C-alpha atoms as a PDB file:
ATOM      1  CA  MET A   1     -59.788 -73.929 -12.893  1.00  0.00           C
ATOM      2  CA  LYS A   2     -60.123 -77.014 -15.694  1.00  0.00           C
ATOM      3  CA  ASP A   3     -59.877 -74.496 -18.014  1.00  0.00           C
ATOM      4  CA  ALA A   4     -57.904 -72.475 -16.502  1.00  0.00           C
ATOM      5  CA  HIS A   5     -54.889 -75.423 -16.825  1.00  0.00           C
ATOM      6  CA  LEU A   6     -56.268 -75.859 -20.398  1.00  0.00           C
ATOM      7  CA  LEU A   7     -55.233 -72.002 -21.002  1.00  0.00           C
ATOM      8  CA  VAL A   8     -52.370 -72.373 -19.046  1.00  0.00           C
ATOM      9  CA  ALA A   9     -50.606 -75.373 -21.037  1.00  0.00           C
ATOM     10  CA  GLY A  10     -51.928 -73.910 -24.348  1.00  0.00           C
ATOM     11  CA  VAL A  11     -49.640 -70.471 -23.685  1.00  0.00           C
ATOM     12  CA  VAL A  12     -46.651 -72.769 -22.615  1.00  0.00           C
ATOM     13  CA  VAL A  13     -47.002 -74.663 -26.191  1.00  0.00           C
ATOM     14  CA  ILE A  14     -47.473 -71.648 -27.840  1.00  0.00           C
ATOM     15  CA  LEU A  15     -44.122 -70.217 -25.927  1.00  0.00           C
ATOM     16  CA  VAL A  16     -42.466 -73.289 -26.971  1.00  0.00           C
ATOM     17  CA  LEU A  17     -43.090 -73.195 -30.506  1.00  0.00           C
ATOM     18  CA  SER A  18     -42.207 -70.115 -31.023  1.00  0.00           C
ATOM     19  CA  PHE A  19     -38.792 -70.605 -29.563  1.00  0.00           C
ATOM     20  CA  ILE A  20     -38.026 -73.466 -31.559  1.00  0.00           C
ATOM     21  CA  VAL A  21     -39.276 -71.571 -34.616  1.00  0.00           C
ATOM     22  CA  MET A  22     -36.968 -68.516 -33.969  1.00  0.00           C
ATOM     23  CA  GLY A  23     -34.476 -71.341 -33.047  1.00  0.00           C
ATOM     24  CA  CYS A  24     -34.692 -72.746 -36.664  1.00  0.00           C
ATOM     25  CA  ALA A  25     -34.913 -69.227 -38.084  1.00  0.00           C
ATOM     26  CA  THR A  26     -32.071 -68.125 -36.703  1.00  0.00           C
ATOM     27  CA  LYS A  27     -29.512 -71.122 -37.053  1.00  0.00           C
ATOM     28  CA  PRO A  28     -26.699 -71.299 -39.375  1.00  0.00           C
ATOM     29  CA  GLU A  29     -28.170 -73.137 -42.919  1.00  0.00           C
ATOM     30  CA  HIS A  30     -23.875 -72.830 -44.548  1.00  0.00           C
ATOM     31  CA  THR A  31     -20.427 -73.687 -42.767  1.00  0.00           C
ATOM     32  CA  LEU A  32     -17.454 -72.439 -44.019  1.00  0.00           C
ATOM     33  CA  THR A  33     -14.583 -74.051 -43.807  1.00  0.00           C
ATOM     34  CA  VAL A  34     -11.335 -71.609 -43.160  1.00  0.00           C
ATOM     35  CA  PHE A  35      -8.037 -72.886 -42.194  1.00  0.00           C
ATOM     36  CA  ALA A  36      -5.952 -70.372 -41.376  1.00  0.00           C
ATOM     37  CA  ALA A  37      -2.026 -70.563 -40.272  1.00  0.00           C
ATOM     38  CA  ALA A  38      -1.339 -69.625 -36.758  1.00  0.00           C
ATOM     39  CA  ALA A  39      -0.103 -66.131 -37.226  1.00  0.00           C
ATOM     40  CA  LEU A  40      -2.958 -65.234 -39.006  1.00  0.00           C
ATOM     41  CA  THR A  41      -5.279 -66.225 -35.542  1.00  0.00           C
ATOM     42  CA  GLU A  42      -6.478 -62.989 -34.655  1.00  0.00           C
ATOM     43  CA  PRO A  43      -7.531 -60.691 -37.776  1.00  0.00           C
ATOM     44  CA  PHE A  44      -9.047 -64.123 -38.882  1.00  0.00           C
ATOM     45  CA  GLN A  45     -11.237 -64.315 -36.154  1.00  0.00           C
ATOM     46  CA  GLU A  46     -12.246 -61.110 -36.241  1.00  0.00           C
ATOM     47  CA  CYS A  47     -13.163 -61.310 -40.056  1.00  0.00           C
ATOM     48  CA  ALA A  48     -15.109 -64.545 -39.357  1.00  0.00           C
ATOM     49  CA  HIS A  49     -17.203 -62.652 -36.755  1.00  0.00           C
ATOM     50  CA  LEU A  50     -18.130 -59.813 -39.468  1.00  0.00           C
ATOM     51  CA  LEU A  51     -19.301 -62.278 -41.823  1.00  0.00           C
ATOM     52  CA  GLU A  52     -21.407 -63.962 -39.235  1.00  0.00           C
ATOM     53  CA  GLN A  53     -22.331 -60.629 -38.047  1.00  0.00           C
ATOM     54  CA  GLU A  54     -23.374 -59.767 -41.783  1.00  0.00           C
ATOM     55  CA  HIS A  55     -25.255 -63.743 -42.727  1.00  0.00           C
ATOM     56  CA  PRO A  56     -26.425 -65.131 -39.528  1.00  0.00           C
ATOM     57  CA  GLU A  57     -26.873 -67.861 -42.013  1.00  0.00           C
ATOM     58  CA  VAL A  58     -23.236 -68.873 -42.384  1.00  0.00           C
ATOM     59  CA  ASN A  59     -21.392 -70.237 -39.621  1.00  0.00           C
ATOM     60  CA  VAL A  60     -17.547 -70.268 -40.233  1.00  0.00           C
ATOM     61  CA  GLU A  61     -14.913 -72.875 -38.510  1.00  0.00           C
ATOM     62  CA  LEU A  62     -11.621 -71.993 -37.940  1.00  0.00           C
ATOM     63  CA  ASN A  63      -8.933 -74.038 -38.210  1.00  0.00           C
ATOM     64  CA  PHE A  64      -5.315 -72.405 -36.590  1.00  0.00           C
ATOM     65  CA  ALA A  65      -2.179 -74.355 -36.805  1.00  0.00           C
ATOM     66  CA  SER A  66       1.146 -74.542 -38.520  1.00  0.00           C
ATOM     67  CA  ALA A  67       0.907 -74.071 -43.228  1.00  0.00           C
ATOM     68  CA  PRO A  68       2.423 -77.149 -43.951  1.00  0.00           C
ATOM     69  CA  VAL A  69       0.231 -79.108 -42.008  1.00  0.00           C
ATOM     70  CA  LEU A  70      -3.156 -77.452 -43.173  1.00  0.00           C
ATOM     71  CA  CYS A  71      -1.509 -77.410 -46.387  1.00  0.00           C
ATOM     72  CA  THR A  72      -1.477 -82.022 -46.121  1.00  0.00           C
ATOM     73  CA  GLN A  73      -4.530 -81.551 -44.924  1.00  0.00           C
ATOM     74  CA  ILE A  74      -6.180 -80.448 -48.052  1.00  0.00           C
ATOM     75  CA  GLU A  75      -3.793 -82.507 -50.472  1.00  0.00           C
ATOM     76  CA  GLN A  76      -5.214 -85.716 -48.385  1.00  0.00           C
ATOM     77  CA  GLY A  77      -9.063 -84.594 -48.458  1.00  0.00           C
ATOM     78  CA  ALA A  78     -10.000 -82.445 -46.529  1.00  0.00           C
ATOM     79  CA  ARG A  79     -13.217 -80.017 -47.417  1.00  0.00           C
ATOM     80  CA  VAL A  80     -11.794 -76.618 -46.875  1.00  0.00           C
ATOM     81  CA  ASP A  81     -13.012 -73.659 -48.754  1.00  0.00           C
ATOM     82  CA  VAL A  82     -10.721 -71.045 -47.347  1.00  0.00           C
ATOM     83  CA  TYR A  83      -7.117 -71.305 -47.275  1.00  0.00           C
ATOM     84  CA  ALA A  84      -4.320 -68.530 -46.166  1.00  0.00           C
ATOM     85  CA  ALA A  85      -0.904 -68.592 -44.741  1.00  0.00           C
ATOM     86  CA  PRO A  86       2.075 -65.904 -44.366  1.00  0.00           C
ATOM     87  CA  TYR A  87       4.770 -67.777 -46.969  1.00  0.00           C
ATOM     88  CA  PRO A  88       3.694 -67.888 -50.817  1.00  0.00           C
ATOM     89  CA  LYS A  89       4.988 -71.351 -51.136  1.00  0.00           C
ATOM     90  CA  TYR A  90       1.977 -74.142 -49.370  1.00  0.00           C
ATOM     91  CA  ALA A  91      -0.844 -71.876 -51.895  1.00  0.00           C
ATOM     92  CA  THR A  92       1.386 -72.269 -55.123  1.00  0.00           C
ATOM     93  CA  ARG A  93       1.602 -76.312 -53.853  1.00  0.00           C
ATOM     94  CA  LEU A  94      -2.127 -75.920 -53.582  1.00  0.00           C
ATOM     95  CA  ILE A  95      -2.679 -74.059 -57.448  1.00  0.00           C
ATOM     96  CA  ASN A  96      -0.334 -76.725 -58.818  1.00  0.00           C
ATOM     97  CA  GLU A  97      -1.942 -79.939 -57.370  1.00  0.00           C
ATOM     98  CA  GLY A  98      -5.492 -78.578 -59.225  1.00  0.00           C
ATOM     99  CA  PHE A  99      -7.009 -77.528 -55.534  1.00  0.00           C
ATOM    100  CA  ALA A 100      -7.388 -73.472 -56.368  1.00  0.00           C
ATOM    101  CA  ARG A 101      -6.374 -71.802 -59.159  1.00  0.00           C
ATOM    102  CA  SER A 102      -4.500 -68.275 -58.061  1.00  0.00           C
ATOM    103  CA  TYR A 103      -3.860 -67.025 -54.830  1.00  0.00           C
ATOM    104  CA  ARG A 104      -3.861 -63.583 -53.701  1.00  0.00           C
ATOM    105  CA  PRO A 105      -1.919 -61.232 -51.471  1.00  0.00           C
ATOM    106  CA  PHE A 106      -3.591 -59.722 -48.855  1.00  0.00           C
ATOM    107  CA  ALA A 107      -0.959 -58.613 -46.196  1.00  0.00           C
ATOM    108  CA  TYR A 108       2.357 -58.122 -45.245  1.00  0.00           C
ATOM    109  CA  ASN A 109       5.140 -58.756 -42.223  1.00  0.00           C
ATOM    110  CA  THR A 110       8.628 -58.773 -41.291  1.00  0.00           C
ATOM    111  CA  MET A 111      10.980 -60.353 -39.130  1.00  0.00           C
ATOM    112  CA  VAL A 112      11.518 -59.431 -35.520  1.00  0.00           C
ATOM    113  CA  VAL A 113      13.475 -61.681 -32.345  1.00  0.00           C
ATOM    114  CA  ALA A 114      11.413 -61.706 -29.449  1.00  0.00           C
ATOM    115  CA  VAL A 115      13.385 -61.294 -26.079  1.00  0.00           C
ATOM    116  CA  PRO A 116      11.610 -60.380 -22.653  1.00  0.00           C
ATOM    117  CA  LYS A 117      12.329 -57.154 -21.548  1.00  0.00           C
ATOM    118  CA  ASN A 118      14.467 -57.783 -18.503  1.00  0.00           C
ATOM    119  CA  GLY A 119      16.266 -60.182 -20.610  1.00  0.00           C
ATOM    120  CA  THR A 120      19.867 -61.359 -21.130  1.00  0.00           C
ATOM    121  CA  VAL A 121      19.697 -60.159 -25.345  1.00  0.00           C
ATOM    122  CA  HIS A 122      19.829 -56.624 -26.040  1.00  0.00           C
ATOM    123  CA  SER A 123      21.174 -56.716 -29.926  1.00  0.00           C
ATOM    124  CA  LEU A 124      21.430 -59.030 -32.789  1.00  0.00           C
ATOM    125  CA  SER A 125      25.441 -59.819 -31.370  1.00  0.00           C
ATOM    126  CA  ASP A 126      24.148 -61.020 -28.643  1.00  0.00           C
ATOM    127  CA  LEU A 127      22.214 -63.903 -29.895  1.00  0.00           C
ATOM    128  CA  THR A 128      25.211 -65.770 -30.270  1.00  0.00           C
ATOM    129  CA  LYS A 129      26.652 -65.516 -26.876  1.00  0.00           C
ATOM    130  CA  ARG A 130      27.130 -68.946 -25.290  1.00  0.00           C
ATOM    131  CA  GLY A 131      24.383 -69.717 -22.883  1.00  0.00           C
ATOM    132  CA  VAL A 132      21.279 -67.924 -24.570  1.00  0.00           C
ATOM    133  CA  ARG A 133      18.859 -70.058 -25.618  1.00  0.00           C
ATOM    134  CA  VAL A 134      17.363 -69.183 -28.730  1.00  0.00           C
ATOM    135  CA  VAL A 135      14.018 -70.617 -30.621  1.00  0.00           C
ATOM    136  CA  ILE A 136      13.178 -70.975 -34.145  1.00  0.00           C
ATOM    137  CA  GLY A 137      11.100 -72.154 -36.195  1.00  0.00           C
ATOM    138  CA  GLU A 138      11.161 -76.007 -37.785  1.00  0.00           C
ATOM    139  CA  LYS A 139      12.698 -75.531 -41.132  1.00  0.00           C
ATOM    140  CA  SER A 140       9.488 -76.490 -43.525  1.00  0.00           C
ATOM    141  CA  THR A 141       7.081 -74.092 -41.747  1.00  0.00           C
ATOM    142  CA  PRO A 142       7.597 -70.117 -43.385  1.00  0.00           C
ATOM    143  CA  ILE A 143       8.214 -68.570 -39.465  1.00  0.00           C
ATOM    144  CA  GLY A 144      11.254 -71.400 -40.075  1.00  0.00           C
ATOM    145  CA  ILE A 145      12.384 -71.004 -43.562  1.00  0.00           C
ATOM    146  CA  TYR A 146      12.002 -66.728 -42.693  1.00  0.00           C
ATOM    147  CA  ALA A 147      14.139 -67.290 -39.617  1.00  0.00           C
ATOM    148  CA  ARG A 148      16.930 -69.065 -41.763  1.00  0.00           C
ATOM    149  CA  GLU A 149      16.859 -66.710 -44.671  1.00  0.00           C
ATOM    150  CA  VAL A 150      17.549 -63.621 -42.014  1.00  0.00           C
ATOM    151  CA  LEU A 151      19.841 -65.384 -40.748  1.00  0.00           C
ATOM    152  CA  SER A 152      21.841 -66.307 -43.677  1.00  0.00           C
ATOM    153  CA  ARG A 153      21.734 -62.380 -45.106  1.00  0.00           C
ATOM    154  CA  LEU A 154      23.000 -61.101 -41.571  1.00  0.00           C
ATOM    155  CA  ASN A 155      26.064 -63.658 -42.093  1.00  0.00           C
ATOM    156  CA  SER A 156      26.736 -62.510 -45.318  1.00  0.00           C
ATOM    157  CA  SER A 157      26.582 -58.842 -44.112  1.00  0.00           C
ATOM    158  CA  GLY A 158      30.156 -59.683 -42.637  1.00  0.00           C
ATOM    159  CA  LEU A 159      28.787 -57.261 -39.518  1.00  0.00           C
ATOM    160  CA  TYR A 160      28.426 -60.023 -36.997  1.00  0.00           C
ATOM    161  CA  GLY A 161      31.020 -61.938 -37.938  1.00  0.00           C
ATOM    162  CA  ARG A 162      32.128 -65.150 -40.168  1.00  0.00           C
ATOM    163  CA  ASP A 163      30.089 -67.447 -38.143  1.00  0.00           C
ATOM    164  CA  PHE A 164      26.898 -65.499 -37.133  1.00  0.00           C
ATOM    165  CA  GLU A 165      24.890 -67.553 -38.607  1.00  0.00           C
ATOM    166  CA  GLN A 166      26.577 -71.191 -37.304  1.00  0.00           C
ATOM    167  CA  GLU A 167      26.822 -69.609 -33.784  1.00  0.00           C
ATOM    168  CA  VAL A 168      23.290 -68.704 -33.354  1.00  0.00           C
ATOM    169  CA  MET A 169      21.941 -72.311 -34.501  1.00  0.00           C
ATOM    170  CA  ASP A 170      24.206 -73.525 -31.332  1.00  0.00           C
ATOM    171  CA  ASN A 171      22.415 -71.815 -29.465  1.00  0.00           C
ATOM    172  CA  VAL A 172      18.747 -73.048 -30.839  1.00  0.00           C
ATOM    173  CA  LEU A 173      17.169 -74.904 -28.091  1.00  0.00           C
ATOM    174  CA  SER A 174      13.814 -75.751 -30.084  1.00  0.00           C
ATOM    175  CA  GLU A 175      12.255 -75.915 -33.101  1.00  0.00           C
ATOM    176  CA  GLU A 176       8.346 -75.086 -32.935  1.00  0.00           C
ATOM    177  CA  ASP A 177       5.743 -75.898 -34.871  1.00  0.00           C
ATOM    178  CA  ASN A 178       4.058 -72.257 -36.059  1.00  0.00           C
ATOM    179  CA  THR A 179       5.177 -68.601 -34.844  1.00  0.00           C
ATOM    180  CA  LYS A 180       2.663 -68.296 -32.033  1.00  0.00           C
ATOM    181  CA  TYR A 181       4.614 -71.460 -30.268  1.00  0.00           C
ATOM    182  CA  VAL A 182       8.287 -69.855 -30.791  1.00  0.00           C
ATOM    183  CA  TYR A 183       6.426 -66.217 -28.491  1.00  0.00           C
ATOM    184  CA  SER A 184       5.202 -68.223 -26.312  1.00  0.00           C
ATOM    185  CA  LYS A 185       8.942 -69.850 -25.230  1.00  0.00           C
ATOM    186  CA  VAL A 186       9.919 -65.980 -24.665  1.00  0.00           C
ATOM    187  CA  VAL A 187       6.267 -65.335 -22.911  1.00  0.00           C
ATOM    188  CA  LEU A 188       6.888 -68.280 -21.052  1.00  0.00           C
ATOM    189  CA  GLY A 189      10.756 -67.309 -19.605  1.00  0.00           C
ATOM    190  CA  GLU A 190      11.551 -70.564 -21.385  1.00  0.00           C
ATOM    191  CA  ALA A 191      13.715 -68.782 -24.391  1.00  0.00           C
ATOM    192  CA  ASP A 192      16.293 -65.585 -24.250  1.00  0.00           C
ATOM    193  CA  ALA A 193      15.365 -65.105 -28.052  1.00  0.00           C
ATOM    194  CA  GLY A 194      12.832 -65.991 -30.717  1.00  0.00           C
ATOM    195  CA  PHE A 195      12.669 -65.344 -34.393  1.00  0.00           C
ATOM    196  CA  VAL A 196       9.176 -64.211 -34.726  1.00  0.00           C
ATOM    197  CA  LEU A 197       6.761 -62.075 -36.804  1.00  0.00           C
ATOM    198  CA  SER A 198       6.385 -58.418 -35.542  1.00  0.00           C
ATOM    199  CA  SER A 199       2.695 -59.140 -35.220  1.00  0.00           C
ATOM    200  CA  ASP A 200       3.277 -61.465 -32.802  1.00  0.00           C
ATOM    201  CA  ILE A 201       4.506 -58.829 -30.413  1.00  0.00           C
ATOM    202  CA  THR A 202       1.543 -58.512 -27.672  1.00  0.00           C
ATOM    203  CA  ASP A 203       2.994 -59.513 -24.130  1.00  0.00           C
ATOM    204  CA  PRO A 204       3.889 -56.306 -22.113  1.00  0.00           C
ATOM    205  CA  SER A 205       6.703 -58.643 -20.766  1.00  0.00           C
ATOM    206  CA  THR A 206       8.421 -58.351 -24.004  1.00  0.00           C
ATOM    207  CA  THR A 207       9.841 -56.152 -26.732  1.00  0.00           C
ATOM    208  CA  TYR A 208      11.934 -57.068 -29.891  1.00  0.00           C
ATOM    209  CA  ILE A 209      15.336 -56.111 -31.617  1.00  0.00           C
ATOM    210  CA  GLU A 210      14.717 -55.566 -35.379  1.00  0.00           C
ATOM    211  CA  ILE A 211      16.567 -56.724 -38.044  1.00  0.00           C
ATOM    212  CA  PRO A 212      17.908 -54.202 -40.330  1.00  0.00           C
ATOM    213  CA  GLN A 213      15.916 -53.637 -43.379  1.00  0.00           C
ATOM    214  CA  GLU A 214      18.063 -54.846 -45.819  1.00  0.00           C
ATOM    215  CA  TYR A 215      18.879 -57.909 -43.728  1.00  0.00           C
ATOM    216  CA  ASN A 216      15.070 -58.722 -43.502  1.00  0.00           C
ATOM    217  CA  VAL A 217      12.780 -60.760 -45.391  1.00  0.00           C
ATOM    218  CA  ARG A 218       9.100 -59.240 -46.950  1.00  0.00           C
ATOM    219  CA  VAL A 219       6.475 -61.444 -45.382  1.00  0.00           C
ATOM    220  CA  SER A 220       4.012 -61.868 -48.117  1.00  0.00           C
ATOM    221  CA  CYS A 221       0.528 -63.072 -46.401  1.00  0.00           C
ATOM    222  CA  VAL A 222      -1.633 -65.170 -49.287  1.00  0.00           C
ATOM    223  CA  MET A 223      -4.922 -66.575 -49.687  1.00  0.00           C
ATOM    224  CA  VAL A 224      -6.689 -68.898 -52.192  1.00  0.00           C
ATOM    225  CA  VAL A 225      -9.877 -69.635 -52.262  1.00  0.00           C
ATOM    226  CA  LEU A 226     -10.734 -73.250 -53.157  1.00  0.00           C
ATOM    227  CA  HIS A 227     -14.310 -73.396 -53.802  1.00  0.00           C
ATOM    228  CA  GLN A 228     -14.524 -71.395 -56.645  1.00  0.00           C
ATOM    229  CA  HIS A 229     -18.386 -71.377 -56.739  1.00  0.00           C
ATOM    230  CA  ASP A 230     -18.976 -70.630 -52.807  1.00  0.00           C
ATOM    231  CA  ALA A 231     -19.897 -67.096 -52.939  1.00  0.00           C
ATOM    232  CA  TYR A 232     -18.961 -67.116 -48.582  1.00  0.00           C
ATOM    233  CA  ALA A 233     -15.890 -67.950 -50.003  1.00  0.00           C
ATOM    234  CA  ASN A 234     -15.071 -65.343 -51.692  1.00  0.00           C
ATOM    235  CA  GLU A 235     -17.298 -62.712 -49.868  1.00  0.00           C
ATOM    236  CA  PHE A 236     -15.108 -63.564 -46.648  1.00  0.00           C
ATOM    237  CA  GLU A 237     -11.826 -62.955 -49.358  1.00  0.00           C
ATOM    238  CA  GLN A 238     -12.905 -59.797 -50.291  1.00  0.00           C
ATOM    239  CA  LEU A 239     -13.805 -58.711 -46.561  1.00  0.00           C
ATOM    240  CA  VAL A 240     -10.270 -59.543 -45.701  1.00  0.00           C
ATOM    241  CA  LEU A 241      -9.253 -57.118 -48.773  1.00  0.00           C
ATOM    242  CA  SER A 242     -11.999 -54.662 -48.063  1.00  0.00           C
ATOM    243  CA  PRO A 243     -11.219 -50.986 -46.340  1.00  0.00           C
ATOM    244  CA  GLN A 244     -12.838 -52.834 -42.863  1.00  0.00           C
ATOM    245  CA  GLY A 245     -10.751 -55.814 -43.300  1.00  0.00           C
ATOM    246  CA  GLN A 246      -7.475 -54.374 -43.815  1.00  0.00           C
ATOM    247  CA  ARG A 247      -8.003 -52.352 -40.750  1.00  0.00           C
ATOM    248  CA  ILE A 248      -8.300 -55.227 -38.766  1.00  0.00           C
ATOM    249  CA  LEU A 249      -5.033 -56.976 -40.119  1.00  0.00           C
ATOM    250  CA  GLU A 250      -3.121 -53.273 -39.332  1.00  0.00           C
ATOM    251  CA  GLY A 251      -4.416 -53.500 -35.432  1.00  0.00           C
ATOM    252  CA  CYS A 252      -3.458 -56.956 -35.361  1.00  0.00           C
ATOM    253  CA  GLY A 253      -0.031 -55.304 -36.753  1.00  0.00           C
ATOM    254  CA  PHE A 254       0.112 -56.438 -40.589  1.00  0.00           C
ATOM    255  CA  VAL A 255       0.724 -54.324 -43.440  1.00  0.00           C
ATOM    256  CA  GLY A 256      -2.202 -53.810 -45.715  1.00  0.00           C
ATOM    257  CA  VAL A 257      -1.611 -54.350 -49.288  1.00  0.00           C
ATOM    258  CA  ASN A 258      -1.398 -50.824 -49.617  1.00  0.00           C
ATOM    259  CA  GLY A 259       0.714 -49.477 -47.515  1.00  0.00           C
ATOM    260  CA  THR A 260      -1.703 -48.066 -44.989  1.00  0.00           C
ATOM    261  CA  VAL A 261      -4.867 -48.310 -44.227  1.00  0.00           C
ATOM    262  CA  SER A 262      -7.970 -46.923 -46.338  1.00  0.00           C
ATOM    263  CA  PRO A 263     -10.225 -44.212 -44.685  1.00  0.00           C
END
């Protein structure tokens, strides 16, 4: 009986040690930190998952927030390997400050006005009506900068009245930190319209009003590798630019850098 107990105990010890060894063997040894604007949440989550599948030794830590907030965190000392945003301004700032050498465009997008399907806003002209609740991005954020540029262009066109821009701004209920927050206001019924990226329109309760191409903006999504000698940072960039990465982006509503998905 004593020998039987010893045998069982020995088997248990071997099993425990095996699990420990297996756990150590599969535990990620390298952390890749990616800061990306909130608009890139879905495609970057998929790309990160792919990289981790290809390299079990890598753990990709994703931080999604407003582009200027993330930029400031890097300037204040946050250790980051990759930075991406739908606006080149902050990537250029990091380059000028010596954090990176260059940026690379990896996708494009356009602006639309998100509205509830059964709402009261059906055209751009409706945005000026009294009582309409409009939401835009804060003026320092990419989505806020783009919204103001679109409003300025529409105003200059003269098609919607000479005071179109001001009348829409008078209806602004709130200014949000990023495009996801703007869109959520429309989804939750807290706003009648919101200036967002076309890729944001994902909830079946919403639709969108197109902005004429000649008055719209081309949203350029760019990426910078902050640690040039990190092989995984460069590999993440290449993954996003690869045919597989471009298909992921287009599946999430973006336009690939070549305008079409590679076969």
